[in-house]
Protein backbone atom coordinates (compact mmCIF):
# COMPACT_ATOMS: atom_id res chain seq x y z
CA MET A 1 -92.93 -6.87 -28.53
CA LEU A 2 -94.28 -10.11 -26.97
CA GLN A 3 -97.42 -11.11 -25.12
CA LEU A 4 -96.29 -12.96 -22.00
CA GLN A 5 -98.66 -15.10 -19.94
CA HIS A 6 -97.62 -14.53 -16.34
CA ASP A 7 -100.07 -17.11 -14.99
CA ALA A 8 -99.17 -19.83 -17.55
CA PRO A 9 -97.28 -23.00 -16.48
CA THR A 10 -94.56 -22.29 -19.07
CA PRO A 11 -91.70 -20.38 -17.38
CA LEU A 12 -91.32 -16.75 -18.42
CA VAL A 13 -87.74 -17.37 -19.56
CA THR A 14 -88.99 -20.05 -21.96
CA GLN A 15 -91.81 -17.80 -23.20
CA ILE A 16 -89.32 -15.03 -23.98
CA THR A 17 -86.77 -17.26 -25.75
CA GLU A 18 -89.41 -19.05 -27.83
CA GLY A 19 -91.24 -15.83 -28.61
CA ILE A 20 -88.13 -13.99 -29.83
CA ARG A 21 -87.02 -17.01 -31.83
CA ALA A 22 -90.45 -17.13 -33.52
CA LEU A 23 -90.18 -13.42 -34.40
CA ILE A 24 -86.76 -14.02 -35.96
CA GLU A 25 -87.97 -17.03 -37.96
CA ALA A 26 -90.97 -15.04 -39.23
CA GLN A 27 -88.61 -12.19 -40.23
CA THR A 28 -90.52 -9.82 -37.96
CA LEU A 29 -87.13 -9.23 -36.40
CA LYS A 30 -84.75 -8.79 -39.31
CA PRO A 31 -81.10 -9.87 -39.35
CA GLY A 32 -79.03 -7.24 -37.58
CA ALA A 33 -82.03 -5.72 -35.75
CA LYS A 34 -81.32 -4.45 -32.26
CA LEU A 35 -83.38 -5.79 -29.38
CA PRO A 36 -84.58 -3.64 -26.48
CA SER A 37 -82.09 -3.31 -23.67
CA ILE A 38 -82.42 -5.73 -20.79
CA ARG A 39 -83.86 -3.09 -18.49
CA ALA A 40 -86.23 -1.72 -21.14
CA PHE A 41 -87.54 -5.21 -21.96
CA ALA A 42 -88.03 -5.98 -18.26
CA VAL A 43 -90.02 -2.79 -17.68
CA ALA A 44 -92.14 -3.22 -20.83
CA HIS A 45 -93.12 -6.78 -19.96
CA ALA A 46 -93.25 -6.53 -16.18
CA VAL A 47 -90.58 -9.17 -15.56
CA SER A 48 -87.37 -9.14 -13.58
CA VAL A 49 -84.07 -8.06 -15.08
CA PHE A 50 -82.64 -11.49 -14.17
CA THR A 51 -85.34 -13.22 -16.26
CA VAL A 52 -84.44 -11.15 -19.32
CA VAL A 53 -80.71 -11.71 -18.79
CA GLU A 54 -81.22 -15.49 -18.73
CA ALA A 55 -83.46 -15.41 -21.83
CA TYR A 56 -81.04 -13.26 -23.83
CA ASP A 57 -78.10 -15.42 -22.74
CA ARG A 58 -79.90 -18.54 -23.93
CA LEU A 59 -80.62 -16.97 -27.32
CA VAL A 60 -76.98 -15.96 -27.67
CA ALA A 61 -75.87 -19.50 -26.77
CA GLN A 62 -78.32 -20.93 -29.33
CA GLY A 63 -77.01 -18.61 -32.04
CA TRP A 64 -80.15 -16.49 -32.49
CA LEU A 65 -78.67 -13.31 -30.96
CA THR A 66 -75.24 -11.79 -30.76
CA SER A 67 -74.00 -9.57 -27.97
CA ARG A 68 -71.89 -6.49 -28.66
CA ALA A 69 -70.01 -4.80 -25.85
CA ASN A 70 -71.55 -1.46 -24.82
CA ALA A 71 -74.05 -1.73 -27.70
CA GLY A 72 -76.59 -4.37 -26.74
CA PHE A 73 -78.13 -7.47 -28.33
CA PHE A 74 -78.74 -7.93 -32.04
CA VAL A 75 -80.33 -10.59 -34.27
CA ASN A 76 -77.59 -12.86 -35.54
CA ARG A 77 -77.52 -12.60 -39.33
CA SER A 78 -76.46 -16.21 -39.96
CA SER A 79 -79.19 -17.71 -37.76
CA ALA A 80 -81.93 -15.88 -39.60
CA GLU A 81 -80.85 -16.75 -43.14
CA VAL A 82 -82.47 -20.20 -43.23
CA GLY A 83 -85.53 -21.19 -41.22
CA GLU A 84 -85.42 -24.44 -39.30
CA GLY A 85 -88.22 -25.88 -41.39
CA GLU A 86 -86.50 -25.44 -44.74
CA LEU A 87 -84.85 -28.43 -46.38
CA PRO A 88 -81.61 -27.95 -48.29
CA GLU A 89 -81.76 -28.75 -51.96
CA ARG A 90 -80.60 -32.27 -52.69
CA VAL A 91 -77.79 -32.56 -55.15
CA LYS A 92 -77.17 -35.65 -57.23
CA PRO A 93 -75.18 -37.85 -54.85
CA VAL A 94 -71.92 -39.61 -55.52
CA PHE A 95 -72.44 -42.86 -53.65
CA ASP A 96 -69.50 -44.06 -51.60
CA ALA A 97 -68.79 -44.73 -47.94
CA ALA A 98 -67.99 -41.07 -47.30
CA TRP A 99 -71.34 -40.02 -48.80
CA TYR A 100 -73.15 -42.49 -46.58
CA LEU A 101 -71.34 -41.25 -43.47
CA ARG A 102 -72.21 -37.64 -44.28
CA GLN A 103 -75.85 -38.34 -45.00
CA ILE A 104 -76.34 -40.55 -41.96
CA PHE A 105 -74.47 -38.47 -39.40
CA GLU A 106 -74.49 -34.90 -40.69
CA ASN A 107 -78.06 -34.57 -41.94
CA ARG A 108 -81.02 -34.95 -39.61
CA ASP A 109 -83.59 -33.35 -41.87
CA TRP A 110 -84.56 -36.30 -44.10
CA PRO A 111 -88.34 -36.71 -43.92
CA MET A 112 -87.98 -40.48 -44.41
CA THR A 113 -84.93 -42.52 -43.38
CA PRO A 114 -85.56 -46.22 -44.09
CA GLY A 115 -81.83 -46.62 -44.73
CA CYS A 116 -80.61 -45.22 -41.40
CA GLY A 117 -79.06 -47.15 -38.52
CA TRP A 118 -81.04 -45.99 -35.49
CA LEU A 119 -84.54 -46.25 -34.08
CA PRO A 120 -87.08 -43.39 -34.17
CA ASP A 121 -87.22 -41.05 -31.19
CA ASP A 122 -90.41 -42.52 -29.78
CA TRP A 123 -88.86 -46.01 -29.81
CA MET A 124 -86.00 -44.94 -27.53
CA PHE A 125 -86.00 -45.15 -23.73
CA GLY A 126 -86.80 -41.46 -23.37
CA GLU A 127 -88.63 -41.86 -20.08
CA GLY A 128 -85.64 -43.65 -18.59
CA VAL A 129 -83.23 -41.00 -19.87
CA ARG A 130 -85.31 -38.23 -18.26
CA ARG A 131 -85.44 -40.05 -14.92
CA GLY A 132 -81.72 -40.76 -15.17
CA LEU A 133 -81.03 -37.06 -15.72
CA ARG A 134 -83.17 -36.08 -12.74
CA LYS A 135 -81.25 -38.50 -10.56
CA LEU A 136 -77.95 -37.26 -12.00
CA ALA A 137 -78.85 -33.72 -10.92
CA THR A 138 -79.00 -34.87 -7.29
CA GLN A 139 -75.75 -36.84 -7.31
CA ASN A 140 -72.35 -35.60 -6.20
CA LEU A 141 -70.32 -35.55 -9.41
CA THR A 142 -66.56 -35.12 -9.59
CA LEU A 143 -66.08 -32.33 -12.12
CA SER A 144 -62.33 -31.88 -11.80
CA GLY A 145 -59.86 -34.22 -13.45
CA TYR A 146 -60.55 -36.71 -16.20
CA GLY A 147 -61.73 -39.76 -14.29
CA ASP A 148 -60.64 -43.39 -14.43
CA PRO A 149 -59.07 -44.35 -17.79
CA MET A 150 -61.04 -47.61 -17.63
CA GLY A 151 -64.32 -45.76 -17.08
CA LEU A 152 -66.78 -45.50 -14.19
CA LEU A 153 -66.29 -48.49 -11.90
CA GLY A 154 -69.98 -48.79 -11.01
CA LEU A 155 -70.99 -49.12 -14.66
CA ARG A 156 -68.22 -51.63 -15.36
CA GLN A 157 -69.42 -53.74 -12.43
CA PHE A 158 -73.00 -53.57 -13.72
CA ILE A 159 -71.87 -54.69 -17.19
CA VAL A 160 -69.95 -57.64 -15.72
CA HIS A 161 -72.98 -58.74 -13.68
CA SER A 162 -75.31 -58.41 -16.68
CA LEU A 163 -73.05 -60.31 -19.05
CA VAL A 164 -72.54 -63.14 -16.58
CA GLN A 165 -76.29 -63.49 -16.11
CA GLU A 166 -77.47 -62.96 -19.69
CA ARG A 167 -74.60 -64.03 -21.96
CA ARG A 168 -72.50 -66.24 -19.67
CA ILE A 169 -69.32 -64.26 -20.22
CA GLN A 170 -67.14 -64.73 -17.15
CA ALA A 171 -65.13 -61.56 -16.56
CA ASN A 172 -64.30 -59.00 -13.91
CA ALA A 173 -64.41 -55.21 -13.92
CA ALA A 174 -60.71 -55.02 -14.76
CA GLN A 175 -61.50 -56.64 -18.12
CA VAL A 176 -64.11 -54.01 -19.05
CA LEU A 177 -63.04 -50.82 -20.79
CA LEU A 178 -65.70 -48.15 -21.31
CA THR A 179 -65.55 -46.30 -24.63
CA HIS A 180 -67.11 -43.40 -26.47
CA GLY A 181 -69.59 -45.69 -28.18
CA ALA A 182 -68.89 -49.03 -29.86
CA SER A 183 -67.22 -47.19 -32.75
CA GLN A 184 -64.34 -46.15 -30.50
CA GLY A 185 -64.13 -49.74 -29.32
CA LEU A 186 -63.76 -50.94 -32.90
CA ASP A 187 -61.10 -48.30 -33.52
CA LEU A 188 -59.12 -49.32 -30.44
CA ALA A 189 -59.36 -53.02 -31.30
CA ALA A 190 -58.31 -52.39 -34.89
CA ARG A 191 -55.31 -50.27 -33.94
CA THR A 192 -54.26 -52.84 -31.37
CA LEU A 193 -54.40 -55.80 -33.74
CA VAL A 194 -53.75 -54.50 -37.25
CA GLN A 195 -50.54 -53.36 -38.90
CA PRO A 196 -50.18 -52.10 -42.50
CA GLY A 197 -50.31 -55.04 -44.90
CA ASP A 198 -52.10 -57.40 -42.51
CA VAL A 199 -54.93 -59.47 -43.95
CA VAL A 200 -58.16 -58.99 -42.02
CA LEU A 201 -61.42 -60.89 -42.49
CA VAL A 202 -64.74 -59.04 -42.35
CA ASP A 203 -68.37 -59.97 -42.90
CA ASP A 204 -69.41 -59.55 -46.53
CA PRO A 205 -71.76 -57.73 -46.68
CA GLY A 206 -70.84 -55.96 -43.49
CA TYR A 207 -70.27 -52.63 -41.75
CA PRO A 208 -69.03 -49.85 -44.11
CA ASN A 209 -67.51 -47.70 -41.34
CA LEU A 210 -65.44 -50.62 -40.10
CA MET A 211 -64.17 -51.35 -43.61
CA SER A 212 -63.13 -47.72 -44.05
CA LEU A 213 -61.38 -47.76 -40.67
CA LEU A 214 -59.44 -50.93 -41.46
CA ARG A 215 -58.42 -49.63 -44.87
CA SER A 216 -57.15 -46.42 -43.25
CA LEU A 217 -54.84 -48.60 -41.13
CA GLY A 218 -53.44 -50.26 -44.24
CA ALA A 219 -55.23 -53.59 -43.80
CA ARG A 220 -56.02 -55.89 -46.74
CA LEU A 221 -59.71 -56.75 -46.43
CA VAL A 222 -61.04 -60.18 -47.34
CA GLY A 223 -64.78 -60.71 -47.19
CA VAL A 224 -66.40 -63.74 -45.54
CA PRO A 225 -69.73 -64.38 -47.31
CA ARG A 226 -72.83 -64.23 -45.09
CA THR A 227 -75.70 -66.63 -45.60
CA PRO A 228 -79.23 -66.49 -44.15
CA THR A 229 -78.04 -68.87 -41.42
CA GLY A 230 -74.67 -67.26 -40.67
CA TYR A 231 -71.31 -67.87 -42.36
CA ASP A 232 -70.48 -69.70 -45.56
CA LEU A 233 -68.19 -72.12 -43.69
CA PRO A 234 -66.62 -73.83 -46.75
CA ALA A 235 -65.73 -70.42 -48.17
CA LEU A 236 -64.34 -69.30 -44.79
CA GLU A 237 -62.19 -72.43 -44.52
CA GLN A 238 -60.67 -71.78 -47.94
CA LEU A 239 -60.01 -68.13 -47.08
CA LEU A 240 -58.19 -69.13 -43.90
CA LYS A 241 -55.93 -71.52 -45.79
CA GLN A 242 -55.25 -68.99 -48.52
CA TRP A 243 -54.70 -65.80 -46.49
CA ARG A 244 -53.78 -66.69 -42.87
CA PRO A 245 -55.47 -63.53 -41.53
CA LYS A 246 -54.46 -61.51 -38.48
CA ALA A 247 -58.02 -61.02 -37.25
CA PHE A 248 -61.69 -61.58 -38.06
CA PHE A 249 -64.04 -58.65 -37.36
CA THR A 250 -67.59 -59.99 -37.27
CA GLN A 251 -71.18 -59.50 -36.11
CA PRO A 252 -72.56 -62.97 -35.35
CA ARG A 253 -75.88 -61.74 -33.90
CA LEU A 254 -78.55 -59.82 -35.90
CA GLN A 255 -75.84 -58.59 -38.24
CA SER A 256 -76.04 -55.36 -40.20
CA PRO A 257 -77.12 -55.25 -42.99
CA THR A 258 -78.56 -58.78 -43.32
CA CYS A 259 -79.91 -59.28 -39.77
CA SER A 260 -78.77 -62.90 -40.00
CA SER A 261 -77.43 -64.72 -36.94
CA VAL A 262 -74.76 -67.38 -36.62
CA SER A 263 -75.58 -70.76 -35.02
CA LEU A 264 -73.73 -72.14 -31.99
CA SER A 265 -72.17 -74.89 -34.08
CA GLN A 266 -70.75 -72.32 -36.50
CA MET A 267 -69.35 -70.28 -33.60
CA HIS A 268 -67.60 -73.36 -32.23
CA GLN A 269 -66.09 -74.00 -35.66
CA VAL A 270 -64.84 -70.42 -36.02
CA LEU A 271 -63.15 -70.59 -32.61
CA GLN A 272 -61.49 -73.89 -33.48
CA TRP A 273 -60.14 -72.34 -36.66
CA ALA A 274 -59.03 -69.22 -34.73
CA SER A 275 -56.86 -71.44 -32.54
CA GLN A 276 -55.65 -73.56 -35.46
CA HIS A 277 -54.77 -70.60 -37.71
CA ASP A 278 -53.75 -68.22 -34.89
CA PHE A 279 -56.02 -65.22 -35.45
CA MET A 280 -58.04 -62.99 -33.11
CA VAL A 281 -61.79 -62.48 -33.34
CA VAL A 282 -63.42 -59.08 -32.72
CA GLU A 283 -67.10 -59.70 -31.93
CA ASN A 284 -69.30 -56.65 -32.45
CA ASP A 285 -72.48 -57.51 -30.50
CA ILE A 286 -74.24 -54.13 -30.48
CA TYR A 287 -77.66 -55.59 -31.32
CA ALA A 288 -77.67 -58.09 -28.44
CA GLU A 289 -80.33 -56.15 -26.52
CA MET A 290 -82.72 -56.75 -29.42
CA ASP A 291 -82.32 -60.53 -29.26
CA SER A 292 -85.06 -61.99 -27.08
CA SER A 293 -83.55 -65.49 -27.34
CA GLN A 294 -80.39 -64.42 -25.46
CA GLN A 295 -78.34 -66.87 -27.50
CA LEU A 296 -74.75 -67.33 -26.44
CA CYS A 297 -72.01 -65.45 -28.25
CA LEU A 298 -68.45 -66.12 -29.33
CA ALA A 299 -67.10 -64.50 -26.16
CA SER A 300 -69.18 -66.79 -23.95
CA LEU A 301 -67.76 -69.87 -25.72
CA ASP A 302 -64.19 -68.57 -25.75
CA GLN A 303 -64.21 -66.68 -22.41
CA LEU A 304 -62.10 -63.85 -23.87
CA GLN A 305 -59.05 -65.91 -24.80
CA ARG A 306 -59.08 -65.06 -28.51
CA VAL A 307 -62.21 -62.90 -28.62
CA ILE A 308 -62.46 -59.14 -28.07
CA TYR A 309 -66.10 -58.41 -27.28
CA LEU A 310 -67.83 -55.08 -28.01
CA GLY A 311 -71.23 -53.82 -26.91
CA ASN A 312 -73.19 -50.66 -26.22
CA TYR A 313 -76.64 -49.36 -25.36
CA SER A 314 -77.01 -46.76 -28.12
CA LYS A 315 -79.35 -48.83 -30.25
CA SER A 316 -81.96 -49.32 -27.53
CA ILE A 317 -81.58 -46.19 -25.37
CA SER A 318 -80.22 -43.33 -27.49
CA PRO A 319 -77.49 -42.90 -30.13
CA ASN A 320 -76.70 -39.54 -28.51
CA LEU A 321 -75.50 -41.28 -25.36
CA ARG A 322 -72.11 -42.42 -26.59
CA VAL A 323 -71.33 -45.09 -24.02
CA GLY A 324 -69.91 -48.40 -25.21
CA TYR A 325 -67.69 -51.09 -23.75
CA VAL A 326 -64.98 -53.59 -24.69
CA LEU A 327 -64.22 -56.85 -22.90
CA ALA A 328 -60.96 -58.67 -23.51
CA HIS A 329 -58.15 -60.70 -21.97
CA PRO A 330 -56.37 -58.62 -19.28
CA GLN A 331 -53.22 -58.25 -21.40
CA VAL A 332 -55.25 -56.99 -24.36
CA VAL A 333 -57.20 -54.59 -22.13
CA GLN A 334 -53.97 -52.92 -21.08
CA GLN A 335 -53.10 -52.26 -24.71
CA LEU A 336 -56.59 -50.93 -25.39
CA VAL A 337 -56.61 -48.55 -22.44
CA GLN A 338 -53.20 -47.16 -23.42
CA LEU A 339 -54.48 -46.39 -26.91
CA LYS A 340 -57.64 -44.87 -25.47
CA MET A 341 -55.59 -42.47 -23.36
CA LEU A 342 -53.31 -41.56 -26.26
CA SER A 343 -56.18 -40.78 -28.61
CA GLY A 344 -58.78 -39.15 -26.38
CA LEU A 345 -57.82 -39.41 -22.70
CA THR A 346 -60.71 -40.74 -20.63
CA SER A 347 -64.35 -41.17 -21.52
CA SER A 348 -67.05 -39.06 -19.86
CA GLU A 349 -67.87 -40.17 -16.31
CA VAL A 350 -70.91 -37.89 -16.39
CA SER A 351 -72.33 -39.80 -19.37
CA GLU A 352 -71.35 -43.10 -17.77
CA GLN A 353 -73.09 -42.20 -14.50
CA LEU A 354 -76.18 -41.20 -16.45
CA MET A 355 -76.10 -44.54 -18.28
CA LEU A 356 -75.78 -46.41 -15.00
CA ASN A 357 -78.80 -44.52 -13.66
CA ILE A 358 -80.80 -45.52 -16.73
CA LEU A 359 -79.80 -49.18 -16.65
CA THR A 360 -80.55 -49.58 -12.94
CA ASP A 361 -83.97 -48.03 -13.39
CA GLY A 362 -86.70 -50.55 -12.67
CA ARG A 363 -88.36 -49.99 -16.05
CA TRP A 364 -85.38 -50.83 -18.28
CA ARG A 365 -86.37 -54.48 -18.76
CA LYS A 366 -89.96 -53.50 -19.47
CA HIS A 367 -88.69 -51.15 -22.18
CA LEU A 368 -86.69 -53.96 -23.80
CA LYS A 369 -89.72 -56.28 -23.78
CA SER A 370 -91.81 -53.59 -25.47
CA LEU A 371 -89.03 -52.96 -27.98
CA HIS A 372 -88.88 -56.65 -28.92
CA GLU A 373 -92.63 -56.66 -29.55
CA ARG A 374 -92.57 -53.49 -31.65
CA LEU A 375 -89.67 -54.73 -33.76
CA ALA A 376 -91.43 -58.05 -34.42
CA GLN A 377 -94.55 -56.21 -35.59
CA ALA A 378 -92.48 -53.87 -37.77
CA HIS A 379 -90.65 -56.84 -39.32
CA ASP A 380 -93.96 -58.46 -40.22
CA HIS A 381 -95.36 -55.27 -41.74
CA VAL A 382 -92.27 -54.30 -43.74
CA ALA A 383 -91.72 -57.86 -44.99
CA GLU A 384 -95.34 -57.96 -46.17
CA GLN A 385 -94.93 -54.66 -48.03
CA LEU A 386 -91.67 -55.78 -49.66
CA HIS A 387 -93.14 -59.11 -50.76
CA ALA A 388 -96.17 -57.31 -52.20
CA LEU A 389 -93.86 -55.17 -54.37
CA GLY A 390 -91.91 -58.19 -55.61
CA PHE A 391 -88.81 -57.87 -53.42
CA GLU A 392 -86.92 -60.97 -52.32
CA LEU A 393 -85.69 -61.10 -48.72
CA PHE A 394 -82.35 -62.48 -47.55
CA CYS A 395 -83.95 -63.78 -44.32
CA GLU A 396 -86.88 -62.89 -42.07
CA PRO A 397 -85.66 -62.90 -38.46
CA ARG A 398 -88.49 -60.88 -36.80
CA GLU A 399 -85.81 -59.47 -34.49
CA GLY A 400 -83.19 -56.78 -34.83
CA MET A 401 -83.52 -53.68 -36.96
CA TYR A 402 -83.06 -54.65 -40.60
CA LEU A 403 -84.36 -56.47 -43.62
CA TRP A 404 -81.94 -57.07 -46.51
CA ALA A 405 -83.84 -57.17 -49.79
CA HIS A 406 -83.47 -56.90 -53.55
CA HIS A 407 -85.87 -56.66 -56.48
CA PRO A 408 -85.29 -59.02 -59.43
CA ALA A 409 -86.15 -56.24 -61.89
CA VAL A 410 -83.58 -53.80 -60.35
CA PRO A 411 -80.03 -55.14 -60.89
CA ASP A 412 -78.41 -51.94 -59.59
CA SER A 413 -80.20 -50.29 -56.67
CA THR A 414 -78.09 -47.14 -57.11
CA VAL A 415 -80.63 -45.73 -59.57
CA MET A 416 -83.43 -46.25 -57.06
CA VAL A 417 -81.42 -44.74 -54.19
CA ASP A 418 -80.53 -41.75 -56.39
CA ALA A 419 -84.18 -41.11 -57.28
CA ALA A 420 -85.24 -41.54 -53.64
CA ALA A 421 -82.65 -39.00 -52.50
CA GLN A 422 -84.12 -36.44 -54.88
CA SER A 423 -87.46 -37.06 -53.14
CA ASN A 424 -85.87 -36.64 -49.68
CA ILE A 425 -85.92 -40.36 -48.90
CA LEU A 426 -82.72 -41.94 -47.57
CA LEU A 427 -82.46 -45.57 -48.68
CA GLY A 428 -79.72 -47.98 -47.60
CA LEU A 429 -77.63 -48.52 -50.73
CA GLY A 430 -76.54 -52.15 -50.85
CA ARG A 431 -73.16 -51.88 -52.54
CA LEU A 432 -71.76 -49.73 -49.73
CA PHE A 433 -71.93 -52.78 -47.44
CA PHE A 434 -69.77 -55.04 -49.62
CA VAL A 435 -65.97 -55.32 -49.51
CA GLU A 436 -65.81 -54.90 -53.27
CA GLN A 437 -68.31 -52.14 -53.91
CA GLN A 438 -69.67 -53.44 -57.19
CA PRO A 439 -73.20 -52.60 -58.38
CA THR A 440 -75.84 -54.73 -56.68
CA GLY A 441 -79.59 -54.73 -56.32
CA TRP A 442 -79.55 -55.17 -52.55
CA LEU A 443 -80.98 -52.56 -50.16
CA ARG A 444 -81.03 -52.34 -46.36
CA PHE A 445 -84.38 -51.43 -44.77
CA ASN A 446 -84.58 -50.30 -41.15
CA VAL A 447 -87.97 -51.79 -40.25
CA ALA A 448 -88.72 -49.22 -37.54
CA CYS A 449 -88.13 -46.37 -40.00
CA SER A 450 -90.01 -48.00 -42.90
CA LEU A 451 -93.57 -47.73 -41.59
CA ASP A 452 -94.59 -44.53 -43.41
CA PRO A 453 -97.20 -45.36 -46.10
CA GLN A 454 -95.67 -42.64 -48.31
CA LEU A 455 -92.48 -44.71 -48.59
CA TRP A 456 -94.36 -47.65 -50.05
CA GLN A 457 -96.37 -45.39 -52.33
CA TRP A 458 -93.13 -43.89 -53.68
CA LEU A 459 -91.55 -47.33 -54.18
CA ARG A 460 -94.67 -48.63 -55.94
CA GLN A 461 -94.74 -45.67 -58.32
CA TRP A 462 -91.01 -45.83 -59.01
CA LEU A 463 -91.11 -49.55 -59.74
CA ALA A 464 -94.10 -49.10 -62.04
CA GLN A 465 -92.19 -46.49 -64.07
CA HIS A 466 -88.67 -47.95 -64.04
CA ALA A 467 -89.12 -51.67 -63.51
CA PRO A 468 -92.32 -52.61 -65.36
CA ALA A 469 -91.33 -56.26 -65.08
CA ALA A 470 -92.19 -55.92 -61.39
CA GLY A 471 -95.84 -56.30 -62.27
């Protein structure tokens, strides 16, 4: 059935699982086909019964085989219907926030993803994750119970120390709540602050998921226009007088989608207005690790009096490690932790211990330095390509993940995004990022995921056919 290499470095269990999976994918083993019994396979291939048991169990767990009592192991029909390499047919999309969520988080098979919100695999801190996992395997983990509602104390202490040193936020571990990613932090902050009918300010353009979350809570969203240098302060002042909002959810640093950053003087002004007009500020600072300047933030100026501060490590380590954190005034933290327990009990101490292992690894800072350099180079390259095609850029920060661009000959980028989707290219549709989702020519480009020459060839050809004025 298989040719096993007993003297090869690859374990026999791995050889068996990969070999059987390859036979299923090639349709050599048909759906419903019965595999040799464990003992028969062991005898035929001169391996132990225990090796075959482990291999078969892995294939069952992965969905390739199914086990039937007193009958044996069979090829799972559903796993063999579609090979891993096949791409589903793209249907004409209906662009809205729900579509974007599905495409970003449910589909991982797009050949090109310049519109996505994460870095490529080889940009992540994979080496650190592997070392962290090896260390985790040697540690005594508490597997019973749910852990501390606030999260792993050691990681909270590390976060406090880091934020004091790097962002000058004075806090203690009792003011740090660990979350299942920054998204849970946003959800907890929103449900703590917002009641149905409340007016809430958000960046415009800004974060589509946040806007959907706030709308689901019954909030009335009012957009604060972003400029290449931060906020449109005159517009913000008028909005405050007109609406008297309950809260302002904002990304001052390397904001998505524009990658613009707010100046210190603007931050001081926002905090003065927050006190004058009595509203809270939720500062989403998830791109801070990509900022080599280590500029101060709203929380460092306010010291958590009116600011709820959110961060995570998903952008620079791995989106699959869902570990985020919230810092706030002690009274606010108590409200947040109560909501956390009501909605999902505690967060995973295993994941939090792994994250602590990664962050205390001696190579973490070296990884960040390398990431800053790679992002700067990617910004330069992608900006050059966009300029060459006639795009206009909102700003050129050379840091962070994004470039926000539009083409004068394309008033509605939906037609371009639609055509790209049919060619298996996921572009970042601009109108999804605005409070009022009107047609717009803007697009968000993830610079790290926009380096494939085929992307620029496709854009050049599409513009030549559909926007001849581009020439």
